[in-house]
PDB file of N, CA and C in Angstrom:
ATOM      1  N   UNK A   1      -0.799  14.933  -1.316  1.00  0.00           N
ATOM      2  CA  UNK A   1      -0.829  13.941  -2.375  1.00  0.00           C
ATOM      3  C   UNK A   1      -1.725  12.796  -1.942  1.00  0.00           C
ATOM      4  N   UNK A   2      -2.690  12.463  -2.743  1.00  0.00           N
ATOM      5  CA  UNK A   2      -3.597  11.340  -2.454  1.00  0.00           C
ATOM      6  C   UNK A   2      -2.940  10.042  -2.915  1.00  0.00           C
ATOM      7  N   UNK A   3      -3.059   9.030  -2.100  1.00  0.00           N
ATOM      8  CA  UNK A   3      -2.555   7.709  -2.457  1.00  0.00           C
ATOM      9  C   UNK A   3      -3.715   6.719  -2.389  1.00  0.00           C
ATOM     10  N   UNK A   4      -3.481   5.521  -2.950  1.00  0.00           N
ATOM     11  CA  UNK A   4      -4.462   4.458  -2.872  1.00  0.00           C
ATOM     12  C   UNK A   4      -3.883   3.330  -2.042  1.00  0.00           C
ATOM     13  N   UNK A   5      -4.678   2.857  -1.104  1.00  0.00           N
ATOM     14  CA  UNK A   5      -4.298   1.705  -0.288  1.00  0.00           C
ATOM     15  C   UNK A   5      -5.075   0.501  -0.825  1.00  0.00           C
ATOM     16  N   UNK A   6      -4.364  -0.383  -1.515  1.00  0.00           N
ATOM     17  CA  UNK A   6      -4.965  -1.617  -1.996  1.00  0.00           C
ATOM     18  C   UNK A   6      -4.900  -2.611  -0.839  1.00  0.00           C
ATOM     19  N   UNK A   7      -6.079  -3.123  -0.450  1.00  0.00           N
ATOM     20  CA  UNK A   7      -6.134  -3.987   0.711  1.00  0.00           C
ATOM     21  C   UNK A   7      -7.228  -5.025   0.531  1.00  0.00           C
ATOM     22  N   UNK A   8      -7.311  -5.947   1.476  1.00  0.00           N
ATOM     23  CA  UNK A   8      -8.347  -6.977   1.449  1.00  0.00           C
ATOM     24  C   UNK A   8      -9.711  -6.351   1.696  1.00  0.00           C
ATOM     25  N   UNK A   9     -10.782  -7.076   1.387  1.00  0.00           N
ATOM     26  CA  UNK A   9     -12.115  -6.509   1.574  1.00  0.00           C
ATOM     27  C   UNK A   9     -12.600  -6.504   3.023  1.00  0.00           C
ATOM     28  N   UNK A  10     -11.844  -7.100   3.923  1.00  0.00           N
ATOM     29  CA  UNK A  10     -12.260  -7.207   5.325  1.00  0.00           C
ATOM     30  C   UNK A  10     -11.892  -5.947   6.102  1.00  0.00           C
ATOM     31  N   UNK A  11     -12.477  -4.820   5.727  1.00  0.00           N
ATOM     32  CA  UNK A  11     -12.157  -3.547   6.379  1.00  0.00           C
ATOM     33  C   UNK A  11     -12.638  -3.489   7.817  1.00  0.00           C
ATOM     34  N   UNK A  12     -13.502  -4.403   8.202  1.00  0.00           N
ATOM     35  CA  UNK A  12     -14.011  -4.467   9.584  1.00  0.00           C
ATOM     36  C   UNK A  12     -12.993  -5.083  10.548  1.00  0.00           C
ATOM     37  N   UNK A  13     -11.969  -5.768  10.011  1.00  0.00           N
ATOM     38  CA  UNK A  13     -10.941  -6.371  10.867  1.00  0.00           C
ATOM     39  C   UNK A  13      -9.982  -5.253  11.283  1.00  0.00           C
ATOM     40  N   UNK A  14      -9.995  -4.933  12.590  1.00  0.00           N
ATOM     41  CA  UNK A  14      -9.169  -3.813  13.088  1.00  0.00           C
ATOM     42  C   UNK A  14      -8.329  -4.279  14.267  1.00  0.00           C
ATOM     43  N   UNK A  15      -7.433  -5.239  13.991  1.00  0.00           N
ATOM     44  CA  UNK A  15      -6.488  -5.709  14.989  1.00  0.00           C
ATOM     45  C   UNK A  15      -5.096  -5.522  14.415  1.00  0.00           C
ATOM     46  N   UNK A  16      -4.133  -5.173  15.263  1.00  0.00           N
ATOM     47  CA  UNK A  16      -2.786  -4.868  14.772  1.00  0.00           C
ATOM     48  C   UNK A  16      -2.085  -6.046  14.113  1.00  0.00           C
ATOM     49  N   UNK A  17      -2.541  -7.266  14.356  1.00  0.00           N
ATOM     50  CA  UNK A  17      -1.942  -8.423  13.702  1.00  0.00           C
ATOM     51  C   UNK A  17      -2.353  -8.564  12.240  1.00  0.00           C
ATOM     52  N   UNK A  18      -3.344  -7.824  11.831  1.00  0.00           N
ATOM     53  CA  UNK A  18      -3.838  -7.909  10.447  1.00  0.00           C
ATOM     54  C   UNK A  18      -3.026  -6.958   9.590  1.00  0.00           C
ATOM     55  N   UNK A  19      -2.331  -7.465   8.550  1.00  0.00           N
ATOM     56  CA  UNK A  19      -1.436  -6.627   7.753  1.00  0.00           C
ATOM     57  C   UNK A  19      -2.091  -5.388   7.143  1.00  0.00           C
ATOM     58  N   UNK A  20      -3.284  -5.558   6.599  1.00  0.00           N
ATOM     59  CA  UNK A  20      -3.950  -4.416   5.957  1.00  0.00           C
ATOM     60  C   UNK A  20      -4.313  -3.340   6.974  1.00  0.00           C
ATOM     61  N   UNK A  21      -4.821  -3.765   8.122  1.00  0.00           N
ATOM     62  CA  UNK A  21      -5.185  -2.788   9.161  1.00  0.00           C
ATOM     63  C   UNK A  21      -3.942  -2.110   9.725  1.00  0.00           C
ATOM     64  N   UNK A  22      -2.867  -2.863   9.863  1.00  0.00           N
ATOM     65  CA  UNK A  22      -1.619  -2.287  10.419  1.00  0.00           C
ATOM     66  C   UNK A  22      -1.183  -1.087   9.576  1.00  0.00           C
ATOM     67  N   UNK A  23      -1.211  -1.231   8.266  1.00  0.00           N
ATOM     68  CA  UNK A  23      -0.794  -0.147   7.370  1.00  0.00           C
ATOM     69  C   UNK A  23      -1.838   0.965   7.336  1.00  0.00           C
ATOM     70  N   UNK A  24      -3.116   0.604   7.279  1.00  0.00           N
ATOM     71  CA  UNK A  24      -4.178   1.602   7.271  1.00  0.00           C
ATOM     72  C   UNK A  24      -4.145   2.434   8.552  1.00  0.00           C
ATOM     73  N   UNK A  25      -3.937   1.783   9.673  1.00  0.00           N
ATOM     74  CA  UNK A  25      -3.875   2.466  10.960  1.00  0.00           C
ATOM     75  C   UNK A  25      -2.693   3.452  10.996  1.00  0.00           C
ATOM     76  N   UNK A  26      -1.555   3.026  10.449  1.00  0.00           N
ATOM     77  CA  UNK A  26      -0.378   3.908  10.412  1.00  0.00           C
ATOM     78  C   UNK A  26      -0.655   5.142   9.557  1.00  0.00           C
ATOM     79  N   UNK A  27      -1.331   4.947   8.413  1.00  0.00           N
ATOM     80  CA  UNK A  27      -1.700   6.095   7.571  1.00  0.00           C
ATOM     81  C   UNK A  27      -2.627   7.035   8.333  1.00  0.00           C
ATOM     82  N   UNK A  28      -3.600   6.465   9.042  1.00  0.00           N
ATOM     83  CA  UNK A  28      -4.532   7.287   9.832  1.00  0.00           C
ATOM     84  C   UNK A  28      -3.793   8.089  10.898  1.00  0.00           C
ATOM     85  N   UNK A  29      -2.888   7.437  11.622  1.00  0.00           N
ATOM     86  CA  UNK A  29      -2.168   8.106  12.704  1.00  0.00           C
ATOM     87  C   UNK A  29      -1.293   9.244  12.192  1.00  0.00           C
ATOM     88  N   UNK A  30      -0.782   9.099  10.973  1.00  0.00           N
ATOM     89  CA  UNK A  30       0.066  10.150  10.374  1.00  0.00           C
ATOM     90  C   UNK A  30      -0.740  11.208   9.642  1.00  0.00           C
ATOM     91  N   UNK A  31      -2.056  11.017   9.558  1.00  0.00           N
ATOM     92  CA  UNK A  31      -2.905  11.995   8.885  1.00  0.00           C
ATOM     93  C   UNK A  31      -2.729  12.031   7.379  1.00  0.00           C
ATOM     94  N   UNK A  32      -2.345  10.911   6.799  1.00  0.00           N
ATOM     95  CA  UNK A  32      -2.122  10.831   5.351  1.00  0.00           C
ATOM     96  C   UNK A  32      -3.447  10.495   4.657  1.00  0.00           C
ATOM     97  N   UNK A  33      -3.797  11.310   3.680  1.00  0.00           N
ATOM     98  CA  UNK A  33      -5.026  11.063   2.915  1.00  0.00           C
ATOM     99  C   UNK A  33      -4.827   9.873   1.984  1.00  0.00           C
ATOM    100  N   UNK A  34      -5.811   9.012   1.925  1.00  0.00           N
ATOM    101  CA  UNK A  34      -5.733   7.836   1.056  1.00  0.00           C
ATOM    102  C   UNK A  34      -7.126   7.396   0.673  1.00  0.00           C
ATOM    103  N   UNK A  35      -7.186   6.628  -0.396  1.00  0.00           N
ATOM    104  CA  UNK A  35      -8.410   6.006  -0.867  1.00  0.00           C
ATOM    105  C   UNK A  35      -8.242   4.511  -0.691  1.00  0.00           C
ATOM    106  N   UNK A  36      -9.231   3.848  -0.128  1.00  0.00           N
ATOM    107  CA  UNK A  36      -9.182   2.397   0.009  1.00  0.00           C
ATOM    108  C   UNK A  36      -9.661   1.755  -1.281  1.00  0.00           C
ATOM    109  N   UNK A  37      -8.868   0.822  -1.798  1.00  0.00           N
ATOM    110  CA  UNK A  37      -9.252   0.027  -2.951  1.00  0.00           C
ATOM    111  C   UNK A  37      -9.326  -1.408  -2.464  1.00  0.00           C
ATOM    112  N   UNK A  38     -10.561  -1.897  -2.283  1.00  0.00           N
ATOM    113  CA  UNK A  38     -10.741  -3.273  -1.795  1.00  0.00           C
ATOM    114  C   UNK A  38     -10.592  -4.244  -2.943  1.00  0.00           C
ATOM    115  N   UNK A  39      -9.794  -5.293  -2.690  1.00  0.00           N
ATOM    116  CA  UNK A  39      -9.591  -6.322  -3.701  1.00  0.00           C
ATOM    117  C   UNK A  39     -10.094  -7.660  -3.212  1.00  0.00           C
ATOM    118  N   UNK A  40      -9.964  -8.684  -4.042  1.00  0.00           N
ATOM    119  CA  UNK A  40     -10.432 -10.017  -3.687  1.00  0.00           C
ATOM    120  C   UNK A  40      -9.727 -10.568  -2.451  1.00  0.00           C
ATOM    121  N   UNK A  41     -10.463 -11.329  -1.665  1.00  0.00           N
ATOM    122  CA  UNK A  41      -9.896 -11.949  -0.467  1.00  0.00           C
ATOM    123  C   UNK A  41      -8.911 -13.056  -0.839  1.00  0.00           C
ATOM    124  N   UNK A  42      -9.263 -13.880  -1.799  1.00  0.00           N
ATOM    125  CA  UNK A  42      -8.441 -15.040  -2.120  1.00  0.00           C
ATOM    126  C   UNK A  42      -7.318 -14.679  -3.095  1.00  0.00           C
ATOM    127  N   UNK A  43      -6.095 -15.138  -2.786  1.00  0.00           N
ATOM    128  CA  UNK A  43      -4.917 -14.805  -3.590  1.00  0.00           C
ATOM    129  C   UNK A  43      -5.069 -15.210  -5.039  1.00  0.00           C
ATOM    130  N   UNK A  44      -5.719 -16.316  -5.298  1.00  0.00           N
ATOM    131  CA  UNK A  44      -5.889 -16.792  -6.659  1.00  0.00           C
ATOM    132  C   UNK A  44      -6.709 -15.855  -7.535  1.00  0.00           C
ATOM    133  N   UNK A  45      -7.424 -14.936  -6.929  1.00  0.00           N
ATOM    134  CA  UNK A  45      -8.262 -13.996  -7.678  1.00  0.00           C
ATOM    135  C   UNK A  45      -7.657 -12.588  -7.723  1.00  0.00           C
ATOM    136  N   UNK A  46      -6.438 -12.438  -7.295  1.00  0.00           N
ATOM    137  CA  UNK A  46      -5.808 -11.110  -7.221  1.00  0.00           C
ATOM    138  C   UNK A  46      -4.996 -10.757  -8.467  1.00  0.00           C
ATOM    139  N   UNK A  47      -5.570 -10.995  -9.624  1.00  0.00           N
ATOM    140  CA  UNK A  47      -4.864 -10.699 -10.875  1.00  0.00           C
ATOM    141  C   UNK A  47      -4.528  -9.223 -11.012  1.00  0.00           C
ATOM    142  N   UNK A  48      -5.455  -8.355 -10.633  1.00  0.00           N
ATOM    143  CA  UNK A  48      -5.231  -6.907 -10.752  1.00  0.00           C
ATOM    144  C   UNK A  48      -4.060  -6.451  -9.883  1.00  0.00           C
ATOM    145  N   UNK A  49      -4.000  -6.961  -8.665  1.00  0.00           N
ATOM    146  CA  UNK A  49      -2.906  -6.541  -7.763  1.00  0.00           C
ATOM    147  C   UNK A  49      -1.560  -7.088  -8.264  1.00  0.00           C
ATOM    148  N   UNK A  50      -1.597  -8.259  -8.908  1.00  0.00           N
ATOM    149  CA  UNK A  50      -0.367  -8.808  -9.469  1.00  0.00           C
ATOM    150  C   UNK A  50       0.097  -7.969 -10.664  1.00  0.00           C
ATOM    151  N   UNK A  51      -0.841  -7.549 -11.503  1.00  0.00           N
ATOM    152  CA  UNK A  51      -0.477  -6.668 -12.630  1.00  0.00           C
ATOM    153  C   UNK A  51       0.107  -5.340 -12.117  1.00  0.00           C
ATOM    154  N   UNK A  52      -0.433  -4.849 -11.037  1.00  0.00           N
ATOM    155  CA  UNK A  52       0.008  -3.584 -10.477  1.00  0.00           C
ATOM    156  C   UNK A  52       1.381  -3.686  -9.818  1.00  0.00           C
ATOM    157  N   UNK A  53       1.560  -4.739  -9.018  1.00  0.00           N
ATOM    158  CA  UNK A  53       2.749  -4.809  -8.156  1.00  0.00           C
ATOM    159  C   UNK A  53       3.699  -5.965  -8.425  1.00  0.00           C
ATOM    160  N   UNK A  54       3.299  -6.893  -9.290  1.00  0.00           N
ATOM    161  CA  UNK A  54       4.180  -8.035  -9.568  1.00  0.00           C
ATOM    162  C   UNK A  54       4.069  -9.151  -8.544  1.00  0.00           C
ATOM    163  N   UNK A  55       3.131  -9.054  -7.637  1.00  0.00           N
ATOM    164  CA  UNK A  55       2.918 -10.088  -6.611  1.00  0.00           C
ATOM    165  C   UNK A  55       1.452 -10.052  -6.168  1.00  0.00           C
ATOM    166  N   UNK A  56       1.032 -10.977  -5.301  1.00  0.00           N
ATOM    167  CA  UNK A  56      -0.383 -11.103  -4.956  1.00  0.00           C
ATOM    168  C   UNK A  56      -0.701 -10.834  -3.488  1.00  0.00           C
ATOM    169  N   UNK A  57       0.167 -10.177  -2.772  1.00  0.00           N
ATOM    170  CA  UNK A  57      -0.075  -9.926  -1.342  1.00  0.00           C
ATOM    171  C   UNK A  57      -0.534  -8.491  -1.088  1.00  0.00           C
ATOM    172  N   UNK A  58      -1.355  -8.359  -0.046  1.00  0.00           N
ATOM    173  CA  UNK A  58      -1.779  -7.050   0.438  1.00  0.00           C
ATOM    174  C   UNK A  58      -0.970  -6.722   1.672  1.00  0.00           C
ATOM    175  N   UNK A  59      -0.902  -5.476   2.058  1.00  0.00           N
ATOM    176  CA  UNK A  59      -1.376  -4.273   1.370  1.00  0.00           C
ATOM    177  C   UNK A  59      -0.367  -3.773   0.357  1.00  0.00           C
ATOM    178  N   UNK A  60      -0.838  -2.925  -0.551  1.00  0.00           N
ATOM    179  CA  UNK A  60      -0.013  -2.254  -1.556  1.00  0.00           C
ATOM    180  C   UNK A  60      -0.432  -0.787  -1.561  1.00  0.00           C
ATOM    181  N   UNK A  61       0.545   0.098  -1.576  1.00  0.00           N
ATOM    182  CA  UNK A  61       0.267   1.523  -1.693  1.00  0.00           C
ATOM    183  C   UNK A  61       0.593   1.955  -3.117  1.00  0.00           C
ATOM    184  N   UNK A  62      -0.366   2.638  -3.746  1.00  0.00           N
ATOM    185  CA  UNK A  62      -0.179   3.167  -5.083  1.00  0.00           C
ATOM    186  C   UNK A  62      -0.144   4.696  -4.992  1.00  0.00           C
ATOM    187  N   UNK A  63       0.944   5.272  -5.511  1.00  0.00           N
ATOM    188  CA  UNK A  63       1.070   6.723  -5.524  1.00  0.00           C
ATOM    189  C   UNK A  63       0.350   7.315  -6.719  1.00  0.00           C
ATOM    190  N   UNK A  64       0.117   8.614  -6.699  1.00  0.00           N
ATOM    191  CA  UNK A  64      -0.620   9.309  -7.763  1.00  0.00           C
ATOM    192  C   UNK A  64      -0.012   9.074  -9.144  1.00  0.00           C
ATOM    193  N   UNK A  65       1.311   8.940  -9.206  1.00  0.00           N
ATOM    194  CA  UNK A  65       1.967   8.758 -10.500  1.00  0.00           C
ATOM    195  C   UNK A  65       1.918   7.314 -10.997  1.00  0.00           C
ATOM    196  N   UNK A  66       1.266   6.421 -10.235  1.00  0.00           N
ATOM    197  CA  UNK A  66       1.130   5.024 -10.639  1.00  0.00           C
ATOM    198  C   UNK A  66       2.214   4.108 -10.076  1.00  0.00           C
ATOM    199  N   UNK A  67       3.246   4.672  -9.440  1.00  0.00           N
ATOM    200  CA  UNK A  67       4.272   3.839  -8.832  1.00  0.00           C
ATOM    201  C   UNK A  67       3.698   3.208  -7.567  1.00  0.00           C
ATOM    202  N   UNK A  68       4.294   2.119  -7.145  1.00  0.00           N
ATOM    203  CA  UNK A  68       3.766   1.381  -6.015  1.00  0.00           C
ATOM    204  C   UNK A  68       4.827   1.155  -4.937  1.00  0.00           C
ATOM    205  N   UNK A  69       4.359   0.839  -3.754  1.00  0.00           N
ATOM    206  CA  UNK A  69       5.216   0.530  -2.612  1.00  0.00           C
ATOM    207  C   UNK A  69       4.638  -0.699  -1.935  1.00  0.00           C
ATOM    208  N   UNK A  70       5.482  -1.735  -1.786  1.00  0.00           N
ATOM    209  CA  UNK A  70       5.061  -2.973  -1.125  1.00  0.00           C
ATOM    210  C   UNK A  70       6.238  -3.577  -0.392  1.00  0.00           C
ATOM    211  N   UNK A  71       6.059  -3.792   0.883  1.00  0.00           N
ATOM    212  CA  UNK A  71       7.004  -4.505   1.744  1.00  0.00           C
ATOM    213  C   UNK A  71       6.170  -5.291   2.733  1.00  0.00           C
ATOM    214  N   UNK A  72       6.833  -5.963   3.653  1.00  0.00           N
ATOM    215  CA  UNK A  72       6.117  -6.577   4.766  1.00  0.00           C
ATOM    216  C   UNK A  72       5.358  -5.462   5.480  1.00  0.00           C
ATOM    217  N   UNK A  73       4.146  -5.771   5.937  1.00  0.00           N
ATOM    218  CA  UNK A  73       3.309  -4.717   6.531  1.00  0.00           C
ATOM    219  C   UNK A  73       3.957  -4.049   7.740  1.00  0.00           C
ATOM    220  N   UNK A  74       4.735  -4.790   8.523  1.00  0.00           N
ATOM    221  CA  UNK A  74       5.431  -4.169   9.661  1.00  0.00           C
ATOM    222  C   UNK A  74       6.417  -3.114   9.185  1.00  0.00           C
ATOM    223  N   UNK A  75       7.130  -3.434   8.099  1.00  0.00           N
ATOM    224  CA  UNK A  75       8.081  -2.489   7.544  1.00  0.00           C
ATOM    225  C   UNK A  75       7.374  -1.272   6.950  1.00  0.00           C
ATOM    226  N   UNK A  76       6.253  -1.543   6.264  1.00  0.00           N
ATOM    227  CA  UNK A  76       5.468  -0.442   5.678  1.00  0.00           C
ATOM    228  C   UNK A  76       4.966   0.487   6.782  1.00  0.00           C
ATOM    229  N   UNK A  77       4.395  -0.090   7.827  1.00  0.00           N
ATOM    230  CA  UNK A  77       3.875   0.724   8.935  1.00  0.00           C
ATOM    231  C   UNK A  77       5.004   1.516   9.599  1.00  0.00           C
ATOM    232  N   UNK A  78       6.156   0.889   9.770  1.00  0.00           N
ATOM    233  CA  UNK A  78       7.297   1.574  10.369  1.00  0.00           C
ATOM    234  C   UNK A  78       7.756   2.776   9.544  1.00  0.00           C
ATOM    235  N   UNK A  79       7.801   2.597   8.238  1.00  0.00           N
ATOM    236  CA  UNK A  79       8.208   3.689   7.343  1.00  0.00           C
ATOM    237  C   UNK A  79       7.188   4.832   7.396  1.00  0.00           C
ATOM    238  N   UNK A  80       5.913   4.472   7.415  1.00  0.00           N
ATOM    239  CA  UNK A  80       4.841   5.471   7.498  1.00  0.00           C
ATOM    240  C   UNK A  80       4.945   6.234   8.807  1.00  0.00           C
ATOM    241  N   UNK A  81       5.077   5.506   9.928  1.00  0.00           N
ATOM    242  CA  UNK A  81       5.136   6.117  11.246  1.00  0.00           C
ATOM    243  C   UNK A  81       6.375   6.996  11.420  1.00  0.00           C
ATOM    244  N   UNK A  82       7.447   6.652  10.699  1.00  0.00           N
ATOM    245  CA  UNK A  82       8.676   7.450  10.754  1.00  0.00           C
ATOM    246  C   UNK A  82       8.586   8.692   9.852  1.00  0.00           C
ATOM    247  N   UNK A  83       7.466   8.839   9.155  1.00  0.00           N
ATOM    248  CA  UNK A  83       7.291   9.986   8.273  1.00  0.00           C
ATOM    249  C   UNK A  83       8.070   9.890   6.986  1.00  0.00           C
ATOM    250  N   UNK A  84       8.418   8.654   6.567  1.00  0.00           N
ATOM    251  CA  UNK A  84       9.273   8.475   5.398  1.00  0.00           C
ATOM    252  C   UNK A  84       8.567   7.856   4.183  1.00  0.00           C
ATOM    253  N   UNK A  85       7.236   7.799   4.213  1.00  0.00           N
ATOM    254  CA  UNK A  85       6.509   7.164   3.111  1.00  0.00           C
ATOM    255  C   UNK A  85       6.819   7.836   1.776  1.00  0.00           C
ATOM    256  N   UNK A  86       6.876   9.162   1.774  1.00  0.00           N
ATOM    257  CA  UNK A  86       7.066   9.898   0.535  1.00  0.00           C
ATOM    258  C   UNK A  86       8.521  10.269   0.268  1.00  0.00           C
ATOM    259  N   UNK A  87       9.420   9.822   1.114  1.00  0.00           N
ATOM    260  CA  UNK A  87      10.833  10.178   1.000  1.00  0.00           C
ATOM    261  C   UNK A  87      11.411   9.733  -0.343  1.00  0.00           C
ATOM    262  N   UNK A  88      11.986  10.675  -1.085  1.00  0.00           N
ATOM    263  CA  UNK A  88      12.597  10.375  -2.373  1.00  0.00           C
ATOM    264  C   UNK A  88      11.617  10.196  -3.513  1.00  0.00           C
ATOM    265  N   UNK A  89      10.329  10.338  -3.241  1.00  0.00           N
ATOM    266  CA  UNK A  89       9.315  10.159  -4.283  1.00  0.00           C
ATOM    267  C   UNK A  89       9.270  11.392  -5.155  1.00  0.00           C
ATOM    268  N   UNK A  90       9.432  11.226  -6.460  1.00  0.00           N
ATOM    269  CA  UNK A  90       9.465  12.357  -7.379  1.00  0.00           C
ATOM    270  C   UNK A  90       8.124  13.089  -7.381  1.00  0.00           C
ATOM    271  N   UNK A  91       8.184  14.381  -7.329  1.00  0.00           N
ATOM    272  CA  UNK A  91       6.991  15.208  -7.392  1.00  0.00           C
ATOM    273  C   UNK A  91       6.194  15.232  -6.116  1.00  0.00           C
ATOM    274  N   UNK A  92       6.743  14.626  -5.043  1.00  0.00           N
ATOM    275  CA  UNK A  92       6.041  14.631  -3.769  1.00  0.00           C
ATOM    276  C   UNK A  92       7.061  14.720  -2.660  1.00  0.00           C
ATOM    277  N   UNK A  93       6.725  14.135  -1.535  1.00  0.00           N
ATOM    278  CA  UNK A  93       7.610  14.182  -0.380  1.00  0.00           C
ATOM    279  C   UNK A  93       8.453  12.928  -0.239  1.00  0.00           C
ATOM    280  N   UNK A  94       8.324  11.911  -1.116  1.00  0.00           N
ATOM    281  CA  UNK A  94       9.066  10.669  -0.945  1.00  0.00           C
ATOM    282  C   UNK A  94       9.043   9.758  -2.143  1.00  0.00           C
ATOM    283  N   UNK A  95       9.544   8.491  -1.995  1.00  0.00           N
ATOM    284  CA  UNK A  95       9.682   7.542  -3.115  1.00  0.00           C
ATOM    285  C   UNK A  95       9.245   6.144  -2.758  1.00  0.00           C
ATOM    286  N   UNK A  96       8.569   5.469  -3.686  1.00  0.00           N
ATOM    287  CA  UNK A  96       8.169   4.095  -3.445  1.00  0.00           C
ATOM    288  C   UNK A  96       9.363   3.156  -3.557  1.00  0.00           C
ATOM    289  N   UNK A  97       9.280   2.040  -2.879  1.00  0.00           N
ATOM    290  CA  UNK A  97      10.362   1.077  -2.919  1.00  0.00           C
ATOM    291  C   UNK A  97      10.301   0.243  -4.198  1.00  0.00           C
ATOM    292  N   UNK A  98       9.152   0.182  -4.856  1.00  0.00           N
ATOM    293  CA  UNK A  98       8.971  -0.676  -6.014  1.00  0.00           C
ATOM    294  C   UNK A  98       8.278   0.128  -7.106  1.00  0.00           C
ATOM    295  N   UNK A  99       8.675  -0.113  -8.345  1.00  0.00           N
ATOM    296  CA  UNK A  99       7.987   0.503  -9.480  1.00  0.00           C
ATOM    297  C   UNK A  99       7.086  -0.526 -10.125  1.00  0.00           C
ATOM    298  N   UNK A 100       6.066  -0.078 -10.866  1.00  0.00           N
ATOM    299  CA  UNK A 100       5.197  -1.044 -11.518  1.00  0.00           C
ATOM    300  C   UNK A 100       5.986  -1.904 -12.495  1.00  0.00           C
ATOM    301  N   UNK A 101       5.628  -3.170 -12.617  1.00  0.00           N
ATOM    302  CA  UNK A 101       6.346  -4.059 -13.562  1.00  0.00           C
ATOM    303  C   UNK A 101       6.055  -3.628 -14.996  1.00  0.00           C
ATOM    304  N   UNK A 102       7.035  -3.877 -15.853  1.00  0.00           N
ATOM    305  CA  UNK A 102       6.845  -3.606 -17.272  1.00  0.00           C
ATOM    306  C   UNK A 102       6.696  -4.926 -17.994  1.00  0.00           C
ATOM    307  N   UNK A 103       5.890  -4.956 -19.017  1.00  0.00           N
ATOM    308  CA  UNK A 103       5.716  -6.195 -19.775  1.00  0.00           C
ATOM    309  C   UNK A 103       6.682  -6.206 -20.931  1.00  0.00           C
ATOM    310  N   UNK A 104       7.187  -7.387 -21.237  1.00  0.00           N
ATOM    311  CA  UNK A 104       8.142  -7.530 -22.346  1.00  0.00           C
ATOM    312  C   UNK A 104       7.581  -8.375 -23.433  1.00  0.00           C
TER     313      UNK A 104
END
């Protein structure tokens, strides 16, 4: 199953203290296929990520069915490294912690 990793545009930053790299590195180590979707650096310009996830922080994982997963990057990396990213996810190997927001 292909997923999308929504992250900051600074893909050259490869230190474990960087939230986006922490999650990207965990995906790499687990051999999970993903597509990088680079978004705006500044939070005030992250309208698309807010529409997708209901908040403006990176990283965000988007599953093929459009559902999303967002937690603190340490928690996200831990779940990925434990092999539980897709756990409970319908039609795949797991489930996201968050669903896309609905408009009323």
